[in-house]
Amino acid sequence: MSVKMRPFRFKCRVKDVEHSCRHGNDDEPRHPARLSECITDIVGATKGMLFDGVIKSPANNYQIDISDFDSQLVRKASAVGWNEKTLPKPQELGDIPNIKPDALLTQYGLNITVEIEKSNEKTVWFDFIKLLMLIDINVADFGLLVVPCNYAFRTGKWNLFTEARYYRWCLERFAKVDVGSLSKIAVLGYTQQVQTPSGWTNLDDSVLRTVKEQAHAFFS
């Protein structure tokens, strides 16, 4: 019988959190006042948020999992009054697909649906669609899309915050999505840091290589 491998863990944190839905030199889109209040709460609560990076095995080039980011965000939101709400059952979703947001937060009768995209820039398209659908059927009043400014991979990094704002602009400009509907969604970007022997360091491809080298030594 094979023995289950103990995972390699490393500490991560959120350095900066910012809200912007503006693409390029465009003006910042306006949001409903209650959504703006929620944005202020979440941005303030998640600055400095700690979360774990996990490499479960050498498989898939030491693939990194940061699945507890979601639960840590919910915990931080709860500390400022935004409590997690039970996700809707499939039969409550009407004609839309059986989709589940990463979190559903509530306070004072206001529901906020949250999508957290950690790595795949192309999935951002579907994140926007999920948020729009859940708002349209009144599962949520507003939506938050949370993305990293520095997703690192073997040969570089992606700024999903920039990409998400560009995709939002494309939905308005080319797909003709209603401006009022898009105003109910806000994009939050954050910078990822990793704890290294020299202190907290912004995640990039070189830091990623160091982490994977540490994992290689750990599993050897």
N, C-alpha and C. Protein backbone atom coordinates (compact mmCIF):
# COMPACT_ATOMS: atom_id res chain seq x y z
N MET A 1 0.85 -1.19 0.00
CA MET A 1 0.00 0.00 0.00
C MET A 1 0.88 1.24 0.00
N SER A 2 0.58 2.20 -0.88
CA SER A 2 1.39 3.42 -0.98
C SER A 2 1.10 4.35 0.19
N VAL A 3 2.13 5.07 0.61
CA VAL A 3 1.99 6.03 1.69
C VAL A 3 1.73 7.42 1.09
N LYS A 4 0.71 8.09 1.61
CA LYS A 4 0.37 9.40 1.08
C LYS A 4 1.46 10.40 1.41
N MET A 5 1.88 11.16 0.43
CA MET A 5 2.96 12.12 0.56
C MET A 5 2.50 13.34 1.37
N ARG A 6 3.35 13.80 2.28
CA ARG A 6 3.06 15.01 3.02
C ARG A 6 3.29 16.21 2.11
N PRO A 7 2.36 17.17 2.04
CA PRO A 7 2.51 18.29 1.11
C PRO A 7 3.55 19.30 1.58
N PHE A 8 4.12 20.00 0.63
CA PHE A 8 5.04 21.10 0.91
C PHE A 8 4.22 22.39 0.97
N ARG A 9 4.37 23.13 2.06
CA ARG A 9 3.60 24.35 2.25
C ARG A 9 4.52 25.56 2.36
N PHE A 10 4.05 26.68 1.86
CA PHE A 10 4.79 27.92 1.99
C PHE A 10 3.81 29.06 2.21
N LYS A 11 4.28 30.08 2.92
CA LYS A 11 3.41 31.18 3.31
C LYS A 11 3.32 32.24 2.20
N CYS A 12 2.11 32.73 1.99
CA CYS A 12 1.85 33.80 1.03
C CYS A 12 1.04 34.89 1.71
N ARG A 13 1.05 36.07 1.11
CA ARG A 13 0.19 37.13 1.63
C ARG A 13 -0.21 38.09 0.51
N VAL A 14 -1.25 38.84 0.79
CA VAL A 14 -1.72 39.89 -0.10
C VAL A 14 -1.04 41.18 0.31
N LYS A 15 -0.25 41.75 -0.58
CA LYS A 15 0.44 42.99 -0.26
C LYS A 15 -0.47 44.20 -0.43
N ASP A 16 -1.00 44.38 -1.60
CA ASP A 16 -1.85 45.52 -1.92
C ASP A 16 -3.15 45.02 -2.54
N VAL A 17 -4.23 45.68 -2.22
CA VAL A 17 -5.52 45.39 -2.86
C VAL A 17 -6.04 46.72 -3.40
N GLU A 18 -6.48 46.72 -4.64
CA GLU A 18 -7.02 47.95 -5.20
C GLU A 18 -8.24 47.64 -6.06
N HIS A 19 -9.11 48.62 -6.13
CA HIS A 19 -10.28 48.50 -6.99
C HIS A 19 -10.12 49.42 -8.19
N SER A 20 -10.37 48.89 -9.37
CA SER A 20 -10.48 49.70 -10.58
C SER A 20 -11.18 48.87 -11.64
N CYS A 21 -12.07 49.51 -12.37
CA CYS A 21 -12.71 48.88 -13.52
C CYS A 21 -12.35 49.62 -14.80
N ARG A 22 -11.41 50.54 -14.69
CA ARG A 22 -11.04 51.41 -15.81
C ARG A 22 -10.06 50.70 -16.74
N HIS A 23 -10.32 50.78 -18.03
CA HIS A 23 -9.40 50.24 -19.03
C HIS A 23 -8.65 51.38 -19.69
N GLY A 24 -7.32 51.27 -19.75
CA GLY A 24 -6.51 52.28 -20.42
C GLY A 24 -6.69 53.66 -19.82
N ASN A 25 -6.96 54.64 -20.68
CA ASN A 25 -7.13 56.02 -20.24
C ASN A 25 -8.60 56.40 -20.03
N ASP A 26 -9.48 55.43 -20.05
CA ASP A 26 -10.90 55.71 -19.84
C ASP A 26 -11.15 56.22 -18.42
N ASP A 27 -12.28 56.90 -18.24
CA ASP A 27 -12.69 57.30 -16.90
C ASP A 27 -13.11 56.07 -16.10
N GLU A 28 -12.98 56.17 -14.80
CA GLU A 28 -13.41 55.08 -13.93
C GLU A 28 -14.93 54.96 -13.97
N PRO A 29 -15.45 53.79 -14.30
CA PRO A 29 -16.92 53.62 -14.32
C PRO A 29 -17.52 53.86 -12.93
N ARG A 30 -18.75 54.31 -12.92
CA ARG A 30 -19.45 54.56 -11.66
C ARG A 30 -20.14 53.28 -11.18
N HIS A 31 -20.18 53.12 -9.86
CA HIS A 31 -20.88 51.99 -9.25
C HIS A 31 -21.98 52.50 -8.32
N PRO A 32 -23.01 51.70 -8.07
CA PRO A 32 -24.00 52.07 -7.05
C PRO A 32 -23.30 52.28 -5.70
N ALA A 33 -23.84 53.20 -4.91
CA ALA A 33 -23.21 53.58 -3.64
C ALA A 33 -23.02 52.39 -2.71
N ARG A 34 -23.99 51.49 -2.66
CA ARG A 34 -23.88 50.35 -1.73
C ARG A 34 -22.78 49.38 -2.16
N LEU A 35 -22.57 49.25 -3.46
CA LEU A 35 -21.45 48.43 -3.92
C LEU A 35 -20.14 49.10 -3.56
N SER A 36 -20.05 50.41 -3.70
CA SER A 36 -18.83 51.13 -3.35
C SER A 36 -18.49 50.94 -1.87
N GLU A 37 -19.51 50.90 -1.02
CA GLU A 37 -19.29 50.66 0.41
C GLU A 37 -18.71 49.27 0.64
N CYS A 38 -19.25 48.29 -0.08
CA CYS A 38 -18.74 46.92 0.03
C CYS A 38 -17.29 46.84 -0.43
N ILE A 39 -16.98 47.51 -1.54
CA ILE A 39 -15.61 47.52 -2.06
C ILE A 39 -14.64 48.05 -1.00
N THR A 40 -15.02 49.16 -0.37
CA THR A 40 -14.18 49.75 0.68
C THR A 40 -13.95 48.76 1.81
N ASP A 41 -15.01 48.06 2.22
CA ASP A 41 -14.88 47.06 3.30
C ASP A 41 -13.91 45.95 2.92
N ILE A 42 -14.09 45.37 1.73
CA ILE A 42 -13.30 44.21 1.33
C ILE A 42 -11.84 44.59 1.08
N VAL A 43 -11.62 45.74 0.44
CA VAL A 43 -10.25 46.19 0.20
C VAL A 43 -9.52 46.39 1.52
N GLY A 44 -10.17 47.03 2.48
CA GLY A 44 -9.54 47.26 3.77
C GLY A 44 -9.30 45.98 4.55
N ALA A 45 -10.26 45.06 4.48
CA ALA A 45 -10.17 43.83 5.27
C ALA A 45 -9.11 42.86 4.75
N THR A 46 -8.85 42.87 3.45
CA THR A 46 -7.97 41.85 2.87
C THR A 46 -6.52 42.31 2.69
N LYS A 47 -6.22 43.56 2.96
CA LYS A 47 -4.82 44.00 2.89
C LYS A 47 -4.00 43.24 3.92
N GLY A 48 -2.90 42.65 3.47
CA GLY A 48 -2.05 41.87 4.37
C GLY A 48 -2.57 40.48 4.67
N MET A 49 -3.63 40.06 4.00
CA MET A 49 -4.22 38.74 4.24
C MET A 49 -3.21 37.63 3.97
N LEU A 50 -3.10 36.70 4.90
CA LEU A 50 -2.21 35.54 4.75
C LEU A 50 -2.98 34.37 4.15
N PHE A 51 -2.29 33.58 3.34
CA PHE A 51 -2.86 32.35 2.83
C PHE A 51 -1.72 31.38 2.52
N ASP A 52 -2.05 30.12 2.37
CA ASP A 52 -1.03 29.09 2.15
C ASP A 52 -0.90 28.72 0.68
N GLY A 53 0.34 28.56 0.26
CA GLY A 53 0.62 27.90 -1.00
C GLY A 53 0.96 26.45 -0.70
N VAL A 54 0.44 25.54 -1.51
CA VAL A 54 0.63 24.11 -1.25
C VAL A 54 1.07 23.42 -2.53
N ILE A 55 2.12 22.61 -2.42
CA ILE A 55 2.51 21.71 -3.51
C ILE A 55 2.34 20.29 -2.97
N LYS A 56 1.38 19.57 -3.52
CA LYS A 56 1.01 18.28 -2.97
C LYS A 56 1.97 17.17 -3.34
N SER A 57 2.64 17.31 -4.49
CA SER A 57 3.57 16.28 -4.95
C SER A 57 4.40 16.85 -6.10
N PRO A 58 5.42 16.11 -6.56
CA PRO A 58 6.19 16.58 -7.72
C PRO A 58 5.41 16.51 -9.04
N ALA A 59 4.21 15.95 -9.02
CA ALA A 59 3.43 15.78 -10.25
C ALA A 59 3.12 17.13 -10.89
N ASN A 60 2.97 17.10 -12.22
CA ASN A 60 2.60 18.32 -12.98
C ASN A 60 3.55 19.48 -12.70
N ASN A 61 4.85 19.16 -12.69
CA ASN A 61 5.88 20.18 -12.50
C ASN A 61 5.66 20.94 -11.19
N TYR A 62 5.38 20.18 -10.10
CA TYR A 62 5.21 20.77 -8.78
C TYR A 62 4.09 21.82 -8.79
N GLN A 63 2.94 21.40 -9.23
CA GLN A 63 1.80 22.31 -9.36
C GLN A 63 1.42 22.91 -8.01
N ILE A 64 1.18 24.23 -8.01
CA ILE A 64 0.85 24.96 -6.78
C ILE A 64 -0.66 25.10 -6.63
N ASP A 65 -1.12 24.88 -5.41
CA ASP A 65 -2.53 25.03 -5.08
C ASP A 65 -2.64 26.09 -3.98
N ILE A 66 -3.51 27.09 -4.19
CA ILE A 66 -3.74 28.09 -3.13
C ILE A 66 -5.23 28.15 -2.81
N SER A 67 -5.82 26.98 -2.63
CA SER A 67 -7.26 26.87 -2.48
C SER A 67 -7.79 27.55 -1.23
N ASP A 68 -6.95 27.77 -0.21
CA ASP A 68 -7.48 28.40 1.00
C ASP A 68 -7.59 29.91 0.86
N PHE A 69 -7.18 30.48 -0.27
CA PHE A 69 -7.38 31.92 -0.50
C PHE A 69 -8.85 32.28 -0.35
N ASP A 70 -9.74 31.46 -0.90
CA ASP A 70 -11.17 31.72 -0.86
C ASP A 70 -11.67 31.80 0.59
N SER A 71 -11.32 30.79 1.39
CA SER A 71 -11.80 30.75 2.77
C SER A 71 -11.21 31.88 3.61
N GLN A 72 -9.96 32.25 3.32
CA GLN A 72 -9.35 33.36 4.05
C GLN A 72 -10.04 34.68 3.71
N LEU A 73 -10.41 34.87 2.44
CA LEU A 73 -11.13 36.09 2.06
C LEU A 73 -12.48 36.15 2.76
N VAL A 74 -13.18 35.03 2.79
CA VAL A 74 -14.48 35.00 3.47
C VAL A 74 -14.31 35.32 4.96
N ARG A 75 -13.26 34.78 5.57
CA ARG A 75 -13.00 35.03 6.99
C ARG A 75 -12.73 36.52 7.24
N LYS A 76 -11.92 37.13 6.37
CA LYS A 76 -11.62 38.56 6.52
C LYS A 76 -12.87 39.41 6.30
N ALA A 77 -13.69 39.02 5.31
CA ALA A 77 -14.93 39.76 5.05
C ALA A 77 -15.87 39.66 6.24
N SER A 78 -15.90 38.49 6.86
CA SER A 78 -16.76 38.28 8.02
C SER A 78 -16.37 39.19 9.18
N ALA A 79 -15.07 39.48 9.28
CA ALA A 79 -14.58 40.34 10.36
C ALA A 79 -15.10 41.77 10.25
N VAL A 80 -15.53 42.16 9.05
CA VAL A 80 -16.08 43.52 8.87
C VAL A 80 -17.58 43.45 8.55
N GLY A 81 -18.21 42.34 8.94
CA GLY A 81 -19.66 42.28 8.88
C GLY A 81 -20.27 41.57 7.69
N TRP A 82 -19.43 41.13 6.72
CA TRP A 82 -19.96 40.43 5.55
C TRP A 82 -19.89 38.93 5.78
N ASN A 83 -21.01 38.32 6.11
CA ASN A 83 -21.05 36.90 6.44
C ASN A 83 -21.37 36.05 5.22
N GLU A 84 -20.83 34.83 5.23
CA GLU A 84 -21.07 33.92 4.12
C GLU A 84 -22.50 33.42 4.15
N LYS A 85 -23.10 33.36 2.98
CA LYS A 85 -24.48 32.91 2.84
C LYS A 85 -24.50 31.57 2.12
N THR A 86 -25.48 30.74 2.45
CA THR A 86 -25.60 29.44 1.79
C THR A 86 -25.81 29.62 0.30
N LEU A 87 -25.06 28.87 -0.49
CA LEU A 87 -25.17 28.96 -1.94
C LEU A 87 -26.51 28.39 -2.41
N PRO A 88 -27.06 28.93 -3.49
CA PRO A 88 -28.37 28.45 -3.97
C PRO A 88 -28.32 27.01 -4.45
N LYS A 89 -29.44 26.31 -4.32
CA LYS A 89 -29.56 24.97 -4.85
C LYS A 89 -29.77 25.04 -6.36
N PRO A 90 -29.36 24.01 -7.10
CA PRO A 90 -29.49 24.04 -8.56
C PRO A 90 -30.89 24.41 -9.05
N GLN A 91 -31.92 23.91 -8.37
CA GLN A 91 -33.29 24.18 -8.81
C GLN A 91 -33.70 25.64 -8.59
N GLU A 92 -32.90 26.37 -7.81
CA GLU A 92 -33.20 27.78 -7.57
C GLU A 92 -32.60 28.68 -8.65
N LEU A 93 -31.84 28.11 -9.55
CA LEU A 93 -31.14 28.90 -10.56
C LEU A 93 -31.94 29.09 -11.84
N GLY A 94 -33.13 28.53 -11.90
CA GLY A 94 -33.98 28.73 -13.07
C GLY A 94 -33.38 28.14 -14.33
N ASP A 95 -33.32 28.94 -15.38
CA ASP A 95 -32.89 28.45 -16.69
C ASP A 95 -31.39 28.52 -16.91
N ILE A 96 -30.64 29.10 -15.97
CA ILE A 96 -29.21 29.22 -16.18
C ILE A 96 -28.50 27.94 -15.75
N PRO A 97 -27.27 27.72 -16.21
CA PRO A 97 -26.56 26.49 -15.85
C PRO A 97 -26.35 26.37 -14.35
N ASN A 98 -26.06 25.16 -13.90
CA ASN A 98 -25.77 24.90 -12.49
C ASN A 98 -24.38 25.45 -12.18
N ILE A 99 -24.33 26.71 -11.77
CA ILE A 99 -23.05 27.34 -11.47
C ILE A 99 -22.99 27.72 -10.00
N LYS A 100 -21.79 27.71 -9.44
CA LYS A 100 -21.61 28.07 -8.04
C LYS A 100 -20.55 29.16 -7.95
N PRO A 101 -20.89 30.30 -7.35
CA PRO A 101 -19.88 31.32 -7.13
C PRO A 101 -18.87 30.84 -6.10
N ASP A 102 -17.71 31.46 -6.07
CA ASP A 102 -16.70 31.09 -5.07
C ASP A 102 -17.13 31.49 -3.67
N ALA A 103 -17.94 32.53 -3.57
CA ALA A 103 -18.50 32.93 -2.28
C ALA A 103 -19.74 33.77 -2.51
N LEU A 104 -20.62 33.76 -1.53
CA LEU A 104 -21.79 34.61 -1.53
C LEU A 104 -21.84 35.27 -0.16
N LEU A 105 -21.68 36.60 -0.13
CA LEU A 105 -21.59 37.35 1.11
C LEU A 105 -22.84 38.18 1.32
N THR A 106 -23.23 38.36 2.58
CA THR A 106 -24.44 39.12 2.86
C THR A 106 -24.25 40.02 4.08
N GLN A 107 -24.90 41.17 4.03
CA GLN A 107 -24.94 42.10 5.16
C GLN A 107 -26.11 43.07 4.92
N TYR A 108 -26.93 43.28 5.97
CA TYR A 108 -28.06 44.20 5.89
C TYR A 108 -28.98 43.88 4.70
N GLY A 109 -29.15 42.59 4.41
CA GLY A 109 -30.03 42.19 3.33
C GLY A 109 -29.46 42.36 1.94
N LEU A 110 -28.18 42.74 1.86
CA LEU A 110 -27.51 42.93 0.57
C LEU A 110 -26.64 41.70 0.29
N ASN A 111 -26.76 41.13 -0.90
CA ASN A 111 -26.00 39.94 -1.27
C ASN A 111 -24.95 40.28 -2.33
N ILE A 112 -23.73 39.85 -2.08
CA ILE A 112 -22.61 40.07 -3.00
C ILE A 112 -22.06 38.72 -3.42
N THR A 113 -22.03 38.46 -4.72
CA THR A 113 -21.42 37.22 -5.21
C THR A 113 -19.96 37.50 -5.60
N VAL A 114 -19.08 36.55 -5.28
CA VAL A 114 -17.65 36.76 -5.46
C VAL A 114 -17.06 35.66 -6.33
N GLU A 115 -16.33 36.07 -7.36
CA GLU A 115 -15.56 35.14 -8.17
C GLU A 115 -14.07 35.45 -7.96
N ILE A 116 -13.30 34.41 -7.66
CA ILE A 116 -11.87 34.56 -7.40
C ILE A 116 -11.12 33.78 -8.47
N GLU A 117 -10.46 34.49 -9.37
CA GLU A 117 -9.70 33.85 -10.45
C GLU A 117 -8.21 33.99 -10.12
N LYS A 118 -7.55 32.84 -9.87
CA LYS A 118 -6.17 32.89 -9.38
C LYS A 118 -5.13 32.76 -10.48
N SER A 119 -5.48 32.17 -11.64
CA SER A 119 -4.42 31.86 -12.59
C SER A 119 -4.79 31.96 -14.06
N ASN A 120 -5.99 31.57 -14.43
CA ASN A 120 -6.33 31.42 -15.85
C ASN A 120 -6.99 32.70 -16.39
N GLU A 121 -6.24 33.47 -17.17
CA GLU A 121 -6.77 34.74 -17.66
C GLU A 121 -7.99 34.55 -18.56
N LYS A 122 -8.03 33.45 -19.32
CA LYS A 122 -9.14 33.23 -20.25
C LYS A 122 -10.44 32.90 -19.52
N THR A 123 -10.35 32.34 -18.31
CA THR A 123 -11.54 32.02 -17.54
C THR A 123 -12.24 33.27 -17.03
N VAL A 124 -11.54 34.41 -17.05
CA VAL A 124 -12.14 35.68 -16.61
C VAL A 124 -13.42 35.98 -17.39
N TRP A 125 -13.44 35.60 -18.69
CA TRP A 125 -14.67 35.81 -19.48
C TRP A 125 -15.86 35.15 -18.79
N PHE A 126 -15.70 33.89 -18.40
CA PHE A 126 -16.81 33.16 -17.80
C PHE A 126 -17.12 33.70 -16.41
N ASP A 127 -16.10 34.19 -15.69
CA ASP A 127 -16.34 34.79 -14.38
C ASP A 127 -17.31 35.96 -14.50
N PHE A 128 -17.09 36.82 -15.50
CA PHE A 128 -18.01 37.94 -15.71
C PHE A 128 -19.42 37.44 -16.03
N ILE A 129 -19.52 36.43 -16.88
CA ILE A 129 -20.84 35.91 -17.26
C ILE A 129 -21.55 35.32 -16.05
N LYS A 130 -20.83 34.58 -15.21
CA LYS A 130 -21.43 34.01 -14.00
C LYS A 130 -21.97 35.11 -13.09
N LEU A 131 -21.18 36.17 -12.91
CA LEU A 131 -21.62 37.27 -12.06
C LEU A 131 -22.87 37.93 -12.64
N LEU A 132 -22.87 38.17 -13.95
CA LEU A 132 -24.02 38.81 -14.59
C LEU A 132 -25.28 37.94 -14.46
N MET A 133 -25.12 36.63 -14.63
CA MET A 133 -26.27 35.73 -14.53
C MET A 133 -26.85 35.72 -13.12
N LEU A 134 -25.97 35.62 -12.12
CA LEU A 134 -26.44 35.54 -10.73
C LEU A 134 -27.09 36.84 -10.28
N ILE A 135 -26.60 37.96 -10.80
CA ILE A 135 -27.24 39.24 -10.49
C ILE A 135 -28.60 39.33 -11.19
N ASP A 136 -28.66 38.88 -12.44
CA ASP A 136 -29.90 38.99 -13.23
C ASP A 136 -31.05 38.20 -12.61
N ILE A 137 -30.74 37.04 -12.01
CA ILE A 137 -31.82 36.23 -11.42
C ILE A 137 -31.99 36.52 -9.93
N ASN A 138 -31.35 37.60 -9.45
CA ASN A 138 -31.53 38.10 -8.08
C ASN A 138 -30.99 37.18 -7.00
N VAL A 139 -30.05 36.31 -7.36
CA VAL A 139 -29.31 35.58 -6.33
C VAL A 139 -28.40 36.55 -5.60
N ALA A 140 -27.88 37.54 -6.34
CA ALA A 140 -27.01 38.57 -5.75
C ALA A 140 -27.42 39.94 -6.27
N ASP A 141 -27.13 40.94 -5.45
CA ASP A 141 -27.37 42.32 -5.88
C ASP A 141 -26.18 42.86 -6.68
N PHE A 142 -24.98 42.46 -6.27
CA PHE A 142 -23.76 42.93 -6.91
C PHE A 142 -22.75 41.80 -6.99
N GLY A 143 -21.66 42.04 -7.75
CA GLY A 143 -20.62 41.03 -7.89
C GLY A 143 -19.23 41.63 -7.74
N LEU A 144 -18.31 40.81 -7.23
CA LEU A 144 -16.90 41.16 -7.13
C LEU A 144 -16.08 40.13 -7.89
N LEU A 145 -15.16 40.61 -8.71
CA LEU A 145 -14.20 39.73 -9.38
C LEU A 145 -12.82 40.04 -8.79
N VAL A 146 -12.20 39.05 -8.17
CA VAL A 146 -10.93 39.24 -7.47
C VAL A 146 -9.84 38.49 -8.23
N VAL A 147 -8.78 39.22 -8.63
CA VAL A 147 -7.74 38.63 -9.48
C VAL A 147 -6.35 39.13 -9.05
N PRO A 148 -5.29 38.32 -9.30
CA PRO A 148 -3.94 38.77 -8.97
C PRO A 148 -3.34 39.67 -10.04
N CYS A 149 -2.50 40.59 -9.59
CA CYS A 149 -1.73 41.43 -10.52
C CYS A 149 -0.47 40.71 -10.99
N ASN A 150 -0.09 39.66 -10.30
CA ASN A 150 1.17 38.98 -10.63
C ASN A 150 1.03 37.46 -10.49
N TYR A 151 0.30 36.86 -11.42
CA TYR A 151 0.28 35.41 -11.49
C TYR A 151 1.56 34.96 -12.19
N ALA A 152 2.36 34.17 -11.50
CA ALA A 152 3.67 33.77 -12.03
C ALA A 152 3.61 32.38 -12.65
N PHE A 153 4.35 32.20 -13.74
CA PHE A 153 4.52 30.88 -14.35
C PHE A 153 6.00 30.74 -14.72
N ARG A 154 6.34 29.66 -15.38
CA ARG A 154 7.75 29.29 -15.55
C ARG A 154 8.59 30.36 -16.23
N THR A 155 8.03 31.07 -17.20
CA THR A 155 8.84 32.02 -17.97
C THR A 155 8.40 33.48 -17.82
N GLY A 156 7.55 33.77 -16.85
CA GLY A 156 7.13 35.16 -16.69
C GLY A 156 5.94 35.27 -15.77
N LYS A 157 5.16 36.32 -15.94
CA LYS A 157 3.97 36.50 -15.11
C LYS A 157 2.90 37.23 -15.92
N TRP A 158 1.65 37.03 -15.51
CA TRP A 158 0.51 37.69 -16.12
C TRP A 158 -0.09 38.67 -15.12
N ASN A 159 -0.60 39.77 -15.63
CA ASN A 159 -1.35 40.72 -14.80
C ASN A 159 -2.83 40.52 -15.10
N LEU A 160 -3.47 39.66 -14.33
CA LEU A 160 -4.88 39.37 -14.55
C LEU A 160 -5.77 40.57 -14.23
N PHE A 161 -5.28 41.49 -13.40
CA PHE A 161 -6.03 42.70 -13.08
C PHE A 161 -6.20 43.56 -14.33
N THR A 162 -5.12 43.73 -15.08
CA THR A 162 -5.18 44.47 -16.33
C THR A 162 -6.07 43.75 -17.33
N GLU A 163 -5.91 42.42 -17.42
CA GLU A 163 -6.71 41.64 -18.38
C GLU A 163 -8.19 41.71 -18.06
N ALA A 164 -8.54 41.61 -16.78
CA ALA A 164 -9.95 41.62 -16.39
C ALA A 164 -10.61 42.94 -16.77
N ARG A 165 -9.90 44.04 -16.59
CA ARG A 165 -10.48 45.34 -16.94
C ARG A 165 -10.60 45.48 -18.46
N TYR A 166 -9.67 44.90 -19.19
CA TYR A 166 -9.77 44.91 -20.66
C TYR A 166 -10.97 44.09 -21.12
N TYR A 167 -11.16 42.92 -20.52
CA TYR A 167 -12.29 42.07 -20.90
C TYR A 167 -13.61 42.76 -20.57
N ARG A 168 -13.65 43.47 -19.44
CA ARG A 168 -14.87 44.22 -19.09
C ARG A 168 -15.17 45.25 -20.18
N TRP A 169 -14.13 45.94 -20.62
CA TRP A 169 -14.29 46.94 -21.68
C TRP A 169 -14.79 46.27 -22.97
N CYS A 170 -14.26 45.09 -23.29
CA CYS A 170 -14.70 44.36 -24.48
C CYS A 170 -16.17 43.98 -24.39
N LEU A 171 -16.62 43.57 -23.19
CA LEU A 171 -18.02 43.21 -23.03
C LEU A 171 -18.93 44.41 -23.30
N GLU A 172 -18.49 45.58 -22.85
CA GLU A 172 -19.29 46.79 -23.09
C GLU A 172 -19.19 47.24 -24.55
N ARG A 173 -17.96 47.23 -25.08
CA ARG A 173 -17.72 47.81 -26.41
C ARG A 173 -18.22 46.90 -27.54
N PHE A 174 -17.94 45.61 -27.46
CA PHE A 174 -18.23 44.72 -28.58
C PHE A 174 -19.45 43.81 -28.35
N ALA A 175 -19.62 43.34 -27.12
CA ALA A 175 -20.78 42.48 -26.83
C ALA A 175 -22.02 43.30 -26.48
N LYS A 176 -21.82 44.62 -26.33
CA LYS A 176 -22.93 45.54 -26.04
C LYS A 176 -23.67 45.17 -24.76
N VAL A 177 -22.93 44.68 -23.76
CA VAL A 177 -23.53 44.41 -22.46
C VAL A 177 -23.96 45.73 -21.83
N ASP A 178 -25.12 45.74 -21.23
CA ASP A 178 -25.69 46.95 -20.64
C ASP A 178 -24.75 47.56 -19.61
N VAL A 179 -24.51 48.87 -19.73
CA VAL A 179 -23.61 49.57 -18.82
C VAL A 179 -24.12 49.50 -17.38
N GLY A 180 -25.43 49.57 -17.22
CA GLY A 180 -26.01 49.48 -15.89
C GLY A 180 -25.74 48.13 -15.24
N SER A 181 -25.78 47.07 -16.02
CA SER A 181 -25.48 45.74 -15.49
C SER A 181 -24.01 45.63 -15.10
N LEU A 182 -23.13 46.13 -15.97
CA LEU A 182 -21.70 46.07 -15.67
C LEU A 182 -21.33 46.93 -14.46
N SER A 183 -22.10 47.99 -14.20
CA SER A 183 -21.81 48.85 -13.06
C SER A 183 -22.02 48.13 -11.73
N LYS A 184 -22.73 47.00 -11.77
CA LYS A 184 -22.99 46.22 -10.56
C LYS A 184 -21.86 45.24 -10.25
N ILE A 185 -20.83 45.24 -11.09
CA ILE A 185 -19.68 44.36 -10.89
C ILE A 185 -18.42 45.20 -10.71
N ALA A 186 -17.62 44.87 -9.71
CA ALA A 186 -16.37 45.58 -9.46
C ALA A 186 -15.20 44.61 -9.54
N VAL A 187 -14.08 45.09 -10.06
CA VAL A 187 -12.87 44.28 -10.19
C VAL A 187 -11.86 44.71 -9.12
N LEU A 188 -11.37 43.74 -8.35
CA LEU A 188 -10.35 43.99 -7.34
C LEU A 188 -9.07 43.26 -7.73
N GLY A 189 -7.94 43.96 -7.71
CA GLY A 189 -6.66 43.33 -8.00
C GLY A 189 -5.79 43.31 -6.75
N TYR A 190 -4.97 42.28 -6.64
CA TYR A 190 -4.08 42.18 -5.47
C TYR A 190 -2.70 41.70 -5.91
N THR A 191 -1.68 42.10 -5.16
CA THR A 191 -0.31 41.66 -5.41
C THR A 191 0.02 40.50 -4.47
N GLN A 192 0.52 39.41 -5.03
CA GLN A 192 0.88 38.24 -4.24
C GLN A 192 2.33 38.32 -3.78
N GLN A 193 2.56 37.99 -2.51
CA GLN A 193 3.92 37.89 -1.99
C GLN A 193 4.14 36.51 -1.39
N VAL A 194 5.40 36.09 -1.41
CA VAL A 194 5.80 34.81 -0.83
C VAL A 194 6.84 35.08 0.25
N GLN A 195 6.75 34.36 1.36
CA GLN A 195 7.74 34.51 2.42
C GLN A 195 9.00 33.72 2.06
N THR A 196 10.11 34.42 1.93
CA THR A 196 11.39 33.82 1.60
C THR A 196 12.36 34.05 2.75
N PRO A 197 13.54 33.41 2.75
CA PRO A 197 14.52 33.64 3.81
C PRO A 197 14.90 35.11 3.98
N SER A 198 14.78 35.89 2.90
CA SER A 198 15.13 37.32 2.99
C SER A 198 13.92 38.21 3.28
N GLY A 199 12.76 37.62 3.49
CA GLY A 199 11.56 38.39 3.80
C GLY A 199 10.47 38.19 2.76
N TRP A 200 9.44 39.01 2.84
CA TRP A 200 8.33 38.93 1.90
C TRP A 200 8.75 39.49 0.55
N THR A 201 8.51 38.70 -0.51
CA THR A 201 8.95 39.07 -1.86
C THR A 201 7.79 38.92 -2.83
N ASN A 202 7.62 39.90 -3.72
CA ASN A 202 6.58 39.80 -4.74
C ASN A 202 6.80 38.57 -5.60
N LEU A 203 5.73 37.84 -5.85
CA LEU A 203 5.82 36.61 -6.63
C LEU A 203 6.10 36.93 -8.10
N ASP A 204 7.14 36.30 -8.65
CA ASP A 204 7.42 36.36 -10.08
C ASP A 204 8.02 35.02 -10.49
N ASP A 205 8.49 34.91 -11.73
CA ASP A 205 8.98 33.61 -12.20
C ASP A 205 10.21 33.15 -11.44
N SER A 206 11.09 34.08 -11.02
CA SER A 206 12.29 33.67 -10.29
C SER A 206 11.95 33.18 -8.89
N VAL A 207 11.02 33.85 -8.23
CA VAL A 207 10.57 33.40 -6.91
C VAL A 207 9.86 32.06 -7.03
N LEU A 208 9.09 31.91 -8.08
CA LEU A 208 8.40 30.64 -8.31
C LEU A 208 9.40 29.49 -8.47
N ARG A 209 10.48 29.74 -9.20
CA ARG A 209 11.50 28.71 -9.37
C ARG A 209 12.13 28.35 -8.03
N THR A 210 12.36 29.35 -7.19
CA THR A 210 12.94 29.09 -5.86
C THR A 210 12.01 28.22 -5.03
N VAL A 211 10.72 28.53 -5.06
CA VAL A 211 9.74 27.74 -4.31
C VAL A 211 9.73 26.30 -4.79
N LYS A 212 9.78 26.10 -6.10
CA LYS A 212 9.75 24.74 -6.64
C LYS A 212 11.05 23.99 -6.35
N GLU A 213 12.15 24.71 -6.29
CA GLU A 213 13.42 24.08 -5.88
C GLU A 213 13.34 23.63 -4.42
N GLN A 214 12.72 24.44 -3.57
CA GLN A 214 12.54 24.06 -2.18
C GLN A 214 11.63 22.83 -2.08
N ALA A 215 10.60 22.82 -2.91
CA ALA A 215 9.70 21.67 -2.90
C ALA A 215 10.41 20.40 -3.37
N HIS A 216 11.26 20.56 -4.38
CA HIS A 216 12.03 19.42 -4.90
C HIS A 216 12.90 18.83 -3.78
N ALA A 217 13.56 19.70 -3.02
CA ALA A 217 14.40 19.24 -1.91
C ALA A 217 13.55 18.60 -0.82
N PHE A 218 12.36 19.14 -0.59
CA PHE A 218 11.46 18.62 0.43
C PHE A 218 11.01 17.20 0.10
N PHE A 219 10.69 16.95 -1.17
CA PHE A 219 10.18 15.64 -1.57
C PHE A 219 11.30 14.62 -1.83
N SER A 220 12.52 15.08 -1.94
CA SER A 220 13.63 14.16 -2.25
C SER A 220 14.02 13.31 -1.05
